[in-house]
Amino acid sequence: MTWWLKARLVHSVLAPAVAAFVLLTLLFRDGTVVLPAISVTAGNAVLLAGFTPLLVVGALVQCLDSRLEAAEATSVRRIARLDTGLVAATLAAVAAFTVAGGLLLDSPAVVAAGRNTFFLAGMALCGRPWLGRASIALPTAWIFLVVLVGHRTADDFFPWAVTGHALGSSTAAGAAVAALILGAGLDHHTTTRQGQRP
């Protein structure tokens, strides 16, 4: 177990990234920045906390892609289960911190950052079997796509623009859960197959 934690960079990369995510999300809260957009002509105020999930997702992808091929190929431990457990534990910690922080600070944007982390992590995990570490480009591109063309009006997002929706959106919540289940399932299947290679 110790070698797996070291190989996955849990202490050196993932834990600091989650801590930075929590700190910056609580710091930014409902703070916004006005960015250019194509779908609206003015008033494109974007939540700063909307970018913080990339810290967790990027670190998670890097950690899952950090492998000891020879050791893992001959290991008696079920690496796919450990990796899936790492994803689940990381996102459970994110959910706990964002829900507690959102309630404490009365900030729906903090809780929404947790939901968006689930969605973006699922998206990155879906791309990981084909792109490896480069799969972080998918959630990064998604965030900027939502910023640029995700608005119907200054205060309303298209249904597909999941990360832009307010906390109460059932569409965004459903998409986040579906993306995470699909991504975690694909990642688990890929890791299992890698472990079965001769």
N, C-alpha and C. Protein backbone atom coordinates (compact mmCIF):
# COMPACT_ATOMS: atom_id res chain seq x y z
N MET A 1 0.82 -1.21 0.00
CA MET A 1 0.00 0.00 0.00
C MET A 1 0.86 1.26 0.00
N THR A 2 1.96 1.23 0.75
CA THR A 2 2.83 2.41 0.83
C THR A 2 3.42 2.75 -0.53
N TRP A 3 3.88 1.70 -1.26
CA TRP A 3 4.48 1.97 -2.57
C TRP A 3 3.44 2.52 -3.52
N TRP A 4 2.18 2.06 -3.41
CA TRP A 4 1.13 2.57 -4.29
C TRP A 4 0.85 4.04 -4.00
N LEU A 5 0.78 4.41 -2.72
CA LEU A 5 0.55 5.82 -2.36
C LEU A 5 1.68 6.71 -2.88
N LYS A 6 2.91 6.21 -2.77
CA LYS A 6 4.05 6.98 -3.27
C LYS A 6 4.02 7.07 -4.78
N ALA A 7 3.71 5.94 -5.44
CA ALA A 7 3.67 5.93 -6.90
C ALA A 7 2.58 6.87 -7.43
N ARG A 8 1.48 6.96 -6.72
CA ARG A 8 0.37 7.82 -7.14
C ARG A 8 0.53 9.27 -6.68
N LEU A 9 1.61 9.58 -6.01
CA LEU A 9 1.92 10.96 -5.60
C LEU A 9 0.81 11.56 -4.73
N VAL A 10 0.20 10.72 -3.90
CA VAL A 10 -0.93 11.17 -3.08
C VAL A 10 -0.52 12.28 -2.12
N HIS A 11 0.62 12.09 -1.43
CA HIS A 11 1.04 13.08 -0.43
C HIS A 11 1.68 14.31 -1.07
N SER A 12 2.41 14.09 -2.15
CA SER A 12 3.19 15.20 -2.71
C SER A 12 2.42 16.05 -3.72
N VAL A 13 1.40 15.48 -4.38
CA VAL A 13 0.67 16.22 -5.41
C VAL A 13 -0.81 16.36 -5.09
N LEU A 14 -1.49 15.24 -4.80
CA LEU A 14 -2.94 15.27 -4.66
C LEU A 14 -3.40 16.02 -3.41
N ALA A 15 -2.81 15.71 -2.28
CA ALA A 15 -3.23 16.37 -1.03
C ALA A 15 -3.01 17.89 -1.09
N PRO A 16 -1.85 18.38 -1.55
CA PRO A 16 -1.69 19.83 -1.68
C PRO A 16 -2.66 20.46 -2.67
N ALA A 17 -2.99 19.73 -3.74
CA ALA A 17 -3.92 20.27 -4.73
C ALA A 17 -5.32 20.42 -4.14
N VAL A 18 -5.76 19.42 -3.37
CA VAL A 18 -7.08 19.51 -2.72
C VAL A 18 -7.09 20.65 -1.70
N ALA A 19 -5.99 20.79 -0.97
CA ALA A 19 -5.90 21.89 0.01
C ALA A 19 -5.95 23.24 -0.69
N ALA A 20 -5.24 23.37 -1.82
CA ALA A 20 -5.26 24.63 -2.57
C ALA A 20 -6.65 24.91 -3.13
N PHE A 21 -7.32 23.86 -3.60
CA PHE A 21 -8.68 24.00 -4.10
C PHE A 21 -9.61 24.54 -3.01
N VAL A 22 -9.54 23.94 -1.84
CA VAL A 22 -10.41 24.36 -0.73
C VAL A 22 -10.11 25.81 -0.35
N LEU A 23 -8.85 26.12 -0.19
CA LEU A 23 -8.45 27.48 0.22
C LEU A 23 -8.92 28.53 -0.79
N LEU A 24 -8.64 28.29 -2.08
CA LEU A 24 -9.00 29.28 -3.10
C LEU A 24 -10.51 29.37 -3.31
N THR A 25 -11.20 28.23 -3.22
CA THR A 25 -12.66 28.26 -3.39
C THR A 25 -13.31 29.05 -2.26
N LEU A 26 -12.84 28.83 -1.04
CA LEU A 26 -13.38 29.58 0.10
C LEU A 26 -13.01 31.06 0.02
N LEU A 27 -11.83 31.33 -0.52
CA LEU A 27 -11.37 32.71 -0.66
C LEU A 27 -12.16 33.45 -1.74
N PHE A 28 -12.35 32.80 -2.89
CA PHE A 28 -13.06 33.44 -4.00
C PHE A 28 -14.56 33.51 -3.77
N ARG A 29 -15.13 32.46 -3.20
CA ARG A 29 -16.57 32.36 -2.94
C ARG A 29 -17.40 32.86 -4.12
N ASP A 30 -18.10 33.96 -3.91
CA ASP A 30 -19.00 34.50 -4.93
C ASP A 30 -18.35 35.59 -5.76
N GLY A 31 -17.04 35.72 -5.65
CA GLY A 31 -16.33 36.73 -6.43
C GLY A 31 -16.38 36.43 -7.92
N THR A 32 -16.51 37.47 -8.72
CA THR A 32 -16.60 37.29 -10.18
C THR A 32 -15.56 38.13 -10.90
N VAL A 33 -15.35 37.76 -12.15
CA VAL A 33 -14.52 38.54 -13.06
C VAL A 33 -15.28 38.62 -14.38
N VAL A 34 -15.23 39.77 -15.03
CA VAL A 34 -15.92 39.93 -16.31
C VAL A 34 -14.98 39.49 -17.43
N LEU A 35 -15.44 38.52 -18.22
CA LEU A 35 -14.64 37.99 -19.32
C LEU A 35 -15.39 38.16 -20.63
N PRO A 36 -14.66 38.23 -21.73
CA PRO A 36 -15.34 38.34 -23.03
C PRO A 36 -16.12 37.08 -23.36
N ALA A 37 -17.19 37.25 -24.13
CA ALA A 37 -18.02 36.12 -24.53
C ALA A 37 -18.54 36.36 -25.94
N ILE A 38 -18.90 35.26 -26.58
CA ILE A 38 -19.46 35.35 -27.92
C ILE A 38 -20.98 35.35 -27.86
N SER A 39 -21.54 34.58 -26.93
CA SER A 39 -23.00 34.41 -26.89
C SER A 39 -23.74 35.56 -26.21
N VAL A 40 -23.04 36.42 -25.48
CA VAL A 40 -23.67 37.62 -24.91
C VAL A 40 -22.76 38.81 -25.20
N THR A 41 -23.35 39.97 -25.32
CA THR A 41 -22.56 41.15 -25.68
C THR A 41 -22.01 41.89 -24.48
N ALA A 42 -22.64 41.70 -23.32
CA ALA A 42 -22.17 42.41 -22.12
C ALA A 42 -22.60 41.65 -20.88
N GLY A 43 -21.92 41.92 -19.78
CA GLY A 43 -22.32 41.35 -18.50
C GLY A 43 -21.93 39.92 -18.29
N ASN A 44 -20.85 39.45 -18.92
CA ASN A 44 -20.42 38.07 -18.74
C ASN A 44 -19.57 37.95 -17.48
N ALA A 45 -20.25 38.00 -16.33
CA ALA A 45 -19.57 37.89 -15.04
C ALA A 45 -19.39 36.41 -14.72
N VAL A 46 -18.14 35.98 -14.59
CA VAL A 46 -17.81 34.57 -14.38
C VAL A 46 -17.31 34.38 -12.96
N LEU A 47 -17.84 33.37 -12.27
CA LEU A 47 -17.40 33.08 -10.91
C LEU A 47 -15.95 32.61 -10.91
N LEU A 48 -15.13 33.21 -10.08
CA LEU A 48 -13.73 32.78 -9.96
C LEU A 48 -13.64 31.35 -9.43
N ALA A 49 -14.58 30.98 -8.56
CA ALA A 49 -14.60 29.62 -8.02
C ALA A 49 -14.91 28.59 -9.09
N GLY A 50 -15.34 29.03 -10.26
CA GLY A 50 -15.61 28.11 -11.35
C GLY A 50 -14.34 27.52 -11.96
N PHE A 51 -13.19 28.14 -11.68
CA PHE A 51 -11.93 27.65 -12.22
C PHE A 51 -11.17 26.75 -11.24
N THR A 52 -11.50 26.82 -9.97
CA THR A 52 -10.73 26.07 -8.97
C THR A 52 -10.84 24.55 -9.09
N PRO A 53 -11.94 23.97 -9.61
CA PRO A 53 -11.96 22.52 -9.76
C PRO A 53 -10.82 21.96 -10.61
N LEU A 54 -10.26 22.77 -11.50
CA LEU A 54 -9.16 22.29 -12.34
C LEU A 54 -7.94 21.90 -11.51
N LEU A 55 -7.79 22.49 -10.32
CA LEU A 55 -6.68 22.11 -9.45
C LEU A 55 -6.79 20.64 -9.04
N VAL A 56 -7.98 20.24 -8.62
CA VAL A 56 -8.19 18.86 -8.19
C VAL A 56 -8.15 17.91 -9.37
N VAL A 57 -8.83 18.27 -10.44
CA VAL A 57 -8.92 17.38 -11.59
C VAL A 57 -7.55 17.16 -12.22
N GLY A 58 -6.79 18.24 -12.38
CA GLY A 58 -5.44 18.11 -12.94
C GLY A 58 -4.54 17.23 -12.10
N ALA A 59 -4.59 17.42 -10.78
CA ALA A 59 -3.76 16.61 -9.88
C ALA A 59 -4.21 15.15 -9.90
N LEU A 60 -5.51 14.92 -9.93
CA LEU A 60 -6.03 13.56 -9.94
C LEU A 60 -5.59 12.81 -11.19
N VAL A 61 -5.67 13.48 -12.34
CA VAL A 61 -5.25 12.85 -13.60
C VAL A 61 -3.75 12.55 -13.56
N GLN A 62 -2.97 13.50 -13.06
CA GLN A 62 -1.53 13.27 -12.98
C GLN A 62 -1.21 12.10 -12.06
N CYS A 63 -1.89 12.02 -10.94
CA CYS A 63 -1.63 10.93 -9.98
C CYS A 63 -2.02 9.57 -10.55
N LEU A 64 -3.16 9.50 -11.21
CA LEU A 64 -3.59 8.23 -11.79
C LEU A 64 -2.68 7.78 -12.93
N ASP A 65 -2.07 8.74 -13.59
CA ASP A 65 -1.19 8.42 -14.72
C ASP A 65 0.25 8.17 -14.27
N SER A 66 0.52 8.38 -13.00
CA SER A 66 1.86 8.13 -12.46
C SER A 66 1.90 6.68 -12.01
N ARG A 67 2.62 5.84 -12.77
CA ARG A 67 2.56 4.40 -12.54
C ARG A 67 3.95 3.80 -12.43
N LEU A 68 4.01 2.66 -11.77
CA LEU A 68 5.19 1.81 -11.77
C LEU A 68 4.79 0.55 -12.54
N GLU A 69 4.99 0.59 -13.85
CA GLU A 69 4.46 -0.45 -14.73
C GLU A 69 4.84 -1.86 -14.30
N ALA A 70 6.14 -2.09 -14.06
CA ALA A 70 6.59 -3.45 -13.73
C ALA A 70 5.99 -3.93 -12.41
N ALA A 71 6.03 -3.07 -11.39
CA ALA A 71 5.52 -3.45 -10.08
C ALA A 71 4.01 -3.70 -10.13
N GLU A 72 3.30 -2.87 -10.88
CA GLU A 72 1.85 -3.02 -10.93
C GLU A 72 1.43 -4.23 -11.76
N ALA A 73 2.22 -4.58 -12.76
CA ALA A 73 1.89 -5.75 -13.58
C ALA A 73 2.03 -7.05 -12.79
N THR A 74 2.93 -7.07 -11.79
CA THR A 74 3.16 -8.29 -11.01
C THR A 74 2.53 -8.22 -9.62
N SER A 75 1.86 -7.14 -9.32
CA SER A 75 1.29 -6.95 -7.98
C SER A 75 0.10 -7.88 -7.74
N VAL A 76 -0.02 -8.36 -6.51
CA VAL A 76 -1.18 -9.17 -6.14
C VAL A 76 -2.35 -8.27 -5.72
N ARG A 77 -2.05 -7.01 -5.45
CA ARG A 77 -3.13 -6.08 -5.08
C ARG A 77 -3.93 -5.70 -6.33
N ARG A 78 -5.17 -5.39 -6.14
CA ARG A 78 -6.02 -4.98 -7.25
C ARG A 78 -5.88 -3.48 -7.45
N ILE A 79 -5.00 -3.13 -8.37
CA ILE A 79 -4.66 -1.73 -8.58
C ILE A 79 -5.87 -0.92 -9.05
N ALA A 80 -6.69 -1.52 -9.92
CA ALA A 80 -7.87 -0.80 -10.42
C ALA A 80 -8.78 -0.39 -9.27
N ARG A 81 -8.94 -1.28 -8.29
CA ARG A 81 -9.78 -0.94 -7.14
C ARG A 81 -9.16 0.18 -6.30
N LEU A 82 -7.85 0.10 -6.13
CA LEU A 82 -7.17 1.16 -5.38
C LEU A 82 -7.31 2.51 -6.08
N ASP A 83 -7.14 2.52 -7.40
CA ASP A 83 -7.26 3.76 -8.15
C ASP A 83 -8.69 4.31 -8.10
N THR A 84 -9.67 3.42 -8.23
CA THR A 84 -11.06 3.86 -8.14
C THR A 84 -11.37 4.38 -6.73
N GLY A 85 -10.79 3.72 -5.72
CA GLY A 85 -10.94 4.20 -4.35
C GLY A 85 -10.31 5.56 -4.14
N LEU A 86 -9.18 5.80 -4.83
CA LEU A 86 -8.53 7.11 -4.74
C LEU A 86 -9.41 8.21 -5.32
N VAL A 87 -10.03 7.92 -6.46
CA VAL A 87 -10.96 8.88 -7.07
C VAL A 87 -12.13 9.16 -6.12
N ALA A 88 -12.71 8.09 -5.58
CA ALA A 88 -13.86 8.23 -4.68
C ALA A 88 -13.49 9.01 -3.42
N ALA A 89 -12.34 8.70 -2.82
CA ALA A 89 -11.92 9.38 -1.59
C ALA A 89 -11.64 10.86 -1.85
N THR A 90 -11.00 11.14 -2.98
CA THR A 90 -10.69 12.53 -3.32
C THR A 90 -11.96 13.34 -3.49
N LEU A 91 -12.92 12.80 -4.24
CA LEU A 91 -14.15 13.54 -4.49
C LEU A 91 -15.06 13.59 -3.26
N ALA A 92 -14.97 12.58 -2.41
CA ALA A 92 -15.72 12.64 -1.13
C ALA A 92 -15.17 13.76 -0.26
N ALA A 93 -13.83 13.92 -0.25
CA ALA A 93 -13.22 15.01 0.52
C ALA A 93 -13.63 16.36 -0.05
N VAL A 94 -13.64 16.46 -1.38
CA VAL A 94 -14.07 17.71 -2.04
C VAL A 94 -15.52 18.02 -1.66
N ALA A 95 -16.39 17.01 -1.72
CA ALA A 95 -17.80 17.22 -1.38
C ALA A 95 -17.95 17.67 0.07
N ALA A 96 -17.24 17.02 0.98
CA ALA A 96 -17.34 17.37 2.40
C ALA A 96 -16.88 18.80 2.65
N PHE A 97 -15.74 19.16 2.07
CA PHE A 97 -15.20 20.52 2.28
C PHE A 97 -16.10 21.58 1.67
N THR A 98 -16.60 21.34 0.46
CA THR A 98 -17.41 22.38 -0.20
C THR A 98 -18.79 22.52 0.43
N VAL A 99 -19.39 21.41 0.84
CA VAL A 99 -20.69 21.51 1.51
C VAL A 99 -20.55 22.22 2.85
N ALA A 100 -19.54 21.81 3.64
CA ALA A 100 -19.31 22.46 4.94
C ALA A 100 -18.97 23.94 4.77
N GLY A 101 -18.08 24.23 3.82
CA GLY A 101 -17.69 25.63 3.59
C GLY A 101 -18.83 26.46 3.06
N GLY A 102 -19.63 25.88 2.15
CA GLY A 102 -20.77 26.61 1.61
C GLY A 102 -21.81 26.93 2.67
N LEU A 103 -22.06 25.97 3.57
CA LEU A 103 -23.02 26.21 4.65
C LEU A 103 -22.48 27.22 5.65
N LEU A 104 -21.21 27.08 5.99
CA LEU A 104 -20.59 27.98 6.96
C LEU A 104 -20.56 29.42 6.46
N LEU A 105 -20.25 29.60 5.18
CA LEU A 105 -20.11 30.93 4.61
C LEU A 105 -21.38 31.39 3.89
N ASP A 106 -22.42 30.55 3.89
CA ASP A 106 -23.66 30.85 3.18
C ASP A 106 -23.37 31.21 1.72
N SER A 107 -22.62 30.34 1.06
CA SER A 107 -22.20 30.60 -0.31
C SER A 107 -22.53 29.40 -1.21
N PRO A 108 -23.60 29.50 -2.00
CA PRO A 108 -23.93 28.43 -2.94
C PRO A 108 -22.81 28.19 -3.97
N ALA A 109 -22.04 29.23 -4.28
CA ALA A 109 -20.96 29.09 -5.27
C ALA A 109 -19.90 28.11 -4.80
N VAL A 110 -19.66 28.03 -3.50
CA VAL A 110 -18.67 27.10 -2.96
C VAL A 110 -19.15 25.67 -3.16
N VAL A 111 -20.44 25.42 -2.87
CA VAL A 111 -20.99 24.08 -3.06
C VAL A 111 -21.02 23.73 -4.55
N ALA A 112 -21.35 24.70 -5.38
CA ALA A 112 -21.38 24.47 -6.83
C ALA A 112 -19.99 24.10 -7.36
N ALA A 113 -18.95 24.64 -6.74
CA ALA A 113 -17.58 24.28 -7.14
C ALA A 113 -17.33 22.80 -6.90
N GLY A 114 -17.89 22.27 -5.82
CA GLY A 114 -17.78 20.84 -5.56
C GLY A 114 -18.51 20.02 -6.61
N ARG A 115 -19.72 20.44 -6.94
CA ARG A 115 -20.49 19.75 -7.99
C ARG A 115 -19.74 19.79 -9.32
N ASN A 116 -19.18 20.94 -9.65
CA ASN A 116 -18.45 21.08 -10.90
C ASN A 116 -17.18 20.23 -10.92
N THR A 117 -16.58 20.03 -9.76
CA THR A 117 -15.41 19.15 -9.68
C THR A 117 -15.80 17.73 -10.05
N PHE A 118 -16.97 17.28 -9.60
CA PHE A 118 -17.47 15.95 -9.96
C PHE A 118 -17.62 15.84 -11.48
N PHE A 119 -18.27 16.83 -12.08
CA PHE A 119 -18.51 16.80 -13.53
C PHE A 119 -17.21 16.82 -14.32
N LEU A 120 -16.31 17.73 -13.96
CA LEU A 120 -15.06 17.87 -14.71
C LEU A 120 -14.13 16.68 -14.49
N ALA A 121 -14.15 16.11 -13.29
CA ALA A 121 -13.36 14.90 -13.04
C ALA A 121 -13.89 13.75 -13.89
N GLY A 122 -15.21 13.62 -13.97
CA GLY A 122 -15.79 12.58 -14.82
C GLY A 122 -15.41 12.76 -16.27
N MET A 123 -15.42 14.00 -16.74
CA MET A 123 -15.03 14.28 -18.12
C MET A 123 -13.57 13.90 -18.37
N ALA A 124 -12.68 14.27 -17.45
CA ALA A 124 -11.26 13.95 -17.61
C ALA A 124 -11.04 12.44 -17.57
N LEU A 125 -11.74 11.75 -16.69
CA LEU A 125 -11.60 10.29 -16.59
C LEU A 125 -12.11 9.59 -17.85
N CYS A 126 -13.14 10.17 -18.48
CA CYS A 126 -13.63 9.60 -19.74
C CYS A 126 -12.57 9.68 -20.83
N GLY A 127 -11.80 10.75 -20.84
CA GLY A 127 -10.78 10.92 -21.86
C GLY A 127 -9.46 10.26 -21.55
N ARG A 128 -9.26 9.89 -20.29
CA ARG A 128 -7.96 9.37 -19.87
C ARG A 128 -7.50 8.10 -20.58
N PRO A 129 -8.39 7.13 -20.89
CA PRO A 129 -7.91 5.93 -21.58
C PRO A 129 -7.23 6.22 -22.92
N TRP A 130 -7.62 7.33 -23.56
CA TRP A 130 -7.05 7.65 -24.88
C TRP A 130 -6.02 8.76 -24.81
N LEU A 131 -6.17 9.68 -23.88
CA LEU A 131 -5.30 10.85 -23.85
C LEU A 131 -4.27 10.85 -22.73
N GLY A 132 -4.43 9.97 -21.74
CA GLY A 132 -3.52 9.97 -20.60
C GLY A 132 -3.60 11.28 -19.84
N ARG A 133 -2.44 11.83 -19.48
CA ARG A 133 -2.42 13.09 -18.73
C ARG A 133 -3.02 14.25 -19.50
N ALA A 134 -2.96 14.17 -20.82
CA ALA A 134 -3.51 15.25 -21.65
C ALA A 134 -5.02 15.38 -21.52
N SER A 135 -5.67 14.42 -20.87
CA SER A 135 -7.13 14.50 -20.71
C SER A 135 -7.55 15.69 -19.86
N ILE A 136 -6.62 16.32 -19.15
CA ILE A 136 -6.95 17.54 -18.41
C ILE A 136 -7.37 18.65 -19.37
N ALA A 137 -6.98 18.53 -20.64
CA ALA A 137 -7.37 19.53 -21.63
C ALA A 137 -8.89 19.56 -21.83
N LEU A 138 -9.56 18.42 -21.65
CA LEU A 138 -11.01 18.36 -21.86
C LEU A 138 -11.78 19.24 -20.89
N PRO A 139 -11.59 19.09 -19.56
CA PRO A 139 -12.32 19.99 -18.65
C PRO A 139 -11.88 21.44 -18.76
N THR A 140 -10.60 21.66 -19.07
CA THR A 140 -10.13 23.05 -19.23
C THR A 140 -10.83 23.70 -20.41
N ALA A 141 -10.87 22.98 -21.54
CA ALA A 141 -11.55 23.51 -22.73
C ALA A 141 -13.04 23.70 -22.46
N TRP A 142 -13.63 22.79 -21.67
CA TRP A 142 -15.06 22.89 -21.36
C TRP A 142 -15.37 24.18 -20.61
N ILE A 143 -14.56 24.49 -19.62
CA ILE A 143 -14.80 25.71 -18.83
C ILE A 143 -14.77 26.94 -19.73
N PHE A 144 -13.78 27.01 -20.60
CA PHE A 144 -13.68 28.19 -21.47
C PHE A 144 -14.76 28.20 -22.55
N LEU A 145 -15.23 27.03 -22.96
CA LEU A 145 -16.34 26.96 -23.91
C LEU A 145 -17.61 27.52 -23.26
N VAL A 146 -17.83 27.16 -22.01
CA VAL A 146 -19.00 27.68 -21.28
C VAL A 146 -18.89 29.19 -21.12
N VAL A 147 -17.70 29.68 -20.80
CA VAL A 147 -17.50 31.13 -20.65
C VAL A 147 -17.79 31.85 -21.96
N LEU A 148 -17.32 31.29 -23.06
CA LEU A 148 -17.43 31.98 -24.35
C LEU A 148 -18.81 31.87 -24.98
N VAL A 149 -19.40 30.68 -24.97
CA VAL A 149 -20.66 30.51 -25.71
C VAL A 149 -21.76 29.82 -24.89
N GLY A 150 -21.59 29.73 -23.58
CA GLY A 150 -22.56 29.01 -22.77
C GLY A 150 -23.77 29.79 -22.34
N HIS A 151 -23.76 31.12 -22.52
CA HIS A 151 -24.88 31.96 -22.06
C HIS A 151 -25.98 32.09 -23.11
N ARG A 152 -27.22 31.98 -22.63
CA ARG A 152 -28.36 32.40 -23.45
C ARG A 152 -28.54 33.90 -23.28
N THR A 153 -28.50 34.32 -22.01
CA THR A 153 -28.51 35.74 -21.66
C THR A 153 -27.43 35.93 -20.60
N ALA A 154 -27.26 37.14 -20.14
CA ALA A 154 -26.23 37.40 -19.14
C ALA A 154 -26.42 36.58 -17.88
N ASP A 155 -27.68 36.24 -17.54
CA ASP A 155 -27.96 35.51 -16.31
C ASP A 155 -28.46 34.08 -16.52
N ASP A 156 -28.49 33.61 -17.76
CA ASP A 156 -29.04 32.30 -18.04
C ASP A 156 -28.11 31.51 -18.96
N PHE A 157 -27.89 30.25 -18.62
CA PHE A 157 -27.01 29.39 -19.41
C PHE A 157 -27.82 28.38 -20.22
N PHE A 158 -27.25 27.94 -21.33
CA PHE A 158 -27.83 26.85 -22.09
C PHE A 158 -27.80 25.58 -21.23
N PRO A 159 -28.72 24.64 -21.47
CA PRO A 159 -28.75 23.42 -20.65
C PRO A 159 -27.43 22.63 -20.65
N TRP A 160 -26.70 22.62 -21.77
CA TRP A 160 -25.46 21.86 -21.85
C TRP A 160 -24.32 22.49 -21.04
N ALA A 161 -24.44 23.76 -20.70
CA ALA A 161 -23.36 24.48 -20.01
C ALA A 161 -23.40 24.18 -18.51
N VAL A 162 -23.13 22.94 -18.18
CA VAL A 162 -23.31 22.41 -16.82
C VAL A 162 -22.59 23.24 -15.77
N THR A 163 -21.34 23.57 -15.99
CA THR A 163 -20.55 24.25 -14.95
C THR A 163 -20.99 25.69 -14.71
N GLY A 164 -21.81 26.24 -15.59
CA GLY A 164 -22.29 27.60 -15.38
C GLY A 164 -23.57 27.69 -14.58
N HIS A 165 -24.27 26.57 -14.44
CA HIS A 165 -25.57 26.59 -13.77
C HIS A 165 -25.44 26.82 -12.27
N ALA A 166 -26.48 27.41 -11.72
CA ALA A 166 -26.53 27.65 -10.28
C ALA A 166 -26.66 26.33 -9.53
N LEU A 167 -26.45 26.37 -8.24
CA LEU A 167 -26.43 25.17 -7.42
C LEU A 167 -27.72 24.36 -7.51
N GLY A 168 -28.85 25.02 -7.61
CA GLY A 168 -30.13 24.32 -7.60
C GLY A 168 -30.51 23.62 -8.89
N SER A 169 -29.67 23.65 -9.90
CA SER A 169 -30.00 23.07 -11.19
C SER A 169 -29.96 21.54 -11.13
N SER A 170 -31.12 20.92 -11.38
CA SER A 170 -31.18 19.45 -11.39
C SER A 170 -30.47 18.90 -12.62
N THR A 171 -30.47 19.65 -13.72
CA THR A 171 -29.76 19.24 -14.95
C THR A 171 -28.27 19.11 -14.68
N ALA A 172 -27.71 20.13 -14.03
CA ALA A 172 -26.28 20.13 -13.73
C ALA A 172 -25.93 19.01 -12.74
N ALA A 173 -26.77 18.82 -11.73
CA ALA A 173 -26.51 17.76 -10.75
C ALA A 173 -26.54 16.39 -11.41
N GLY A 174 -27.53 16.16 -12.26
CA GLY A 174 -27.63 14.88 -12.95
C GLY A 174 -26.46 14.65 -13.88
N ALA A 175 -26.05 15.70 -14.60
CA ALA A 175 -24.91 15.58 -15.51
C ALA A 175 -23.63 15.30 -14.74
N ALA A 176 -23.46 15.91 -13.59
CA ALA A 176 -22.25 15.69 -12.78
C ALA A 176 -22.17 14.24 -12.31
N VAL A 177 -23.29 13.71 -11.83
CA VAL A 177 -23.31 12.32 -11.36
C VAL A 177 -23.08 11.36 -12.52
N ALA A 178 -23.75 11.61 -13.66
CA ALA A 178 -23.60 10.72 -14.83
C ALA A 178 -22.17 10.74 -15.35
N ALA A 179 -21.56 11.93 -15.44
CA ALA A 179 -20.19 12.04 -15.95
C ALA A 179 -19.22 11.32 -15.04
N LEU A 180 -19.41 11.45 -13.73
CA LEU A 180 -18.50 10.81 -12.79
C LEU A 180 -18.63 9.29 -12.84
N ILE A 181 -19.85 8.78 -12.90
CA ILE A 181 -20.06 7.33 -12.96
C ILE A 181 -19.45 6.76 -14.24
N LEU A 182 -19.71 7.43 -15.36
CA LEU A 182 -19.16 6.96 -16.64
C LEU A 182 -17.64 7.03 -16.64
N GLY A 183 -17.09 8.16 -16.18
CA GLY A 183 -15.64 8.32 -16.17
C GLY A 183 -14.95 7.35 -15.24
N ALA A 184 -15.49 7.17 -14.04
CA ALA A 184 -14.88 6.23 -13.09
C ALA A 184 -14.96 4.80 -13.61
N GLY A 185 -16.09 4.46 -14.25
CA GLY A 185 -16.23 3.12 -14.81
C GLY A 185 -15.23 2.86 -15.93
N LEU A 186 -15.07 3.82 -16.84
CA LEU A 186 -14.10 3.67 -17.92
C LEU A 186 -12.68 3.57 -17.39
N ASP A 187 -12.36 4.42 -16.41
CA ASP A 187 -11.01 4.41 -15.85
C ASP A 187 -10.73 3.09 -15.14
N HIS A 188 -11.70 2.58 -14.40
CA HIS A 188 -11.54 1.30 -13.70
C HIS A 188 -11.32 0.17 -14.71
N HIS A 189 -12.12 0.16 -15.76
CA HIS A 189 -11.99 -0.88 -16.79
C HIS A 189 -10.62 -0.81 -17.48
N THR A 190 -10.17 0.40 -17.77
CA THR A 190 -8.87 0.57 -18.44
C THR A 190 -7.73 0.11 -17.55
N THR A 191 -7.78 0.48 -16.27
CA THR A 191 -6.72 0.09 -15.34
C THR A 191 -6.72 -1.42 -15.14
N THR A 192 -7.89 -2.03 -15.10
CA THR A 192 -7.99 -3.50 -14.96
C THR A 192 -7.33 -4.18 -16.16
N ARG A 193 -7.61 -3.68 -17.37
CA ARG A 193 -7.03 -4.27 -18.58
C ARG A 193 -5.51 -4.09 -18.61
N GLN A 194 -5.03 -2.93 -18.15
CA GLN A 194 -3.59 -2.71 -18.13
C GLN A 194 -2.91 -3.69 -17.18
N GLY A 195 -3.58 -3.98 -16.07
CA GLY A 195 -3.01 -4.91 -15.10
C GLY A 195 -3.01 -6.35 -15.58
N GLN A 196 -3.86 -6.66 -16.59
CA GLN A 196 -3.94 -8.02 -17.10
C GLN A 196 -3.00 -8.28 -18.27
N ARG A 197 -2.33 -7.20 -18.76
CA ARG A 197 -1.40 -7.40 -19.86
C ARG A 197 -0.21 -8.23 -19.43
N PRO A 198 0.25 -9.14 -20.28
CA PRO A 198 1.39 -9.99 -19.92
C PRO A 198 2.68 -9.17 -19.90
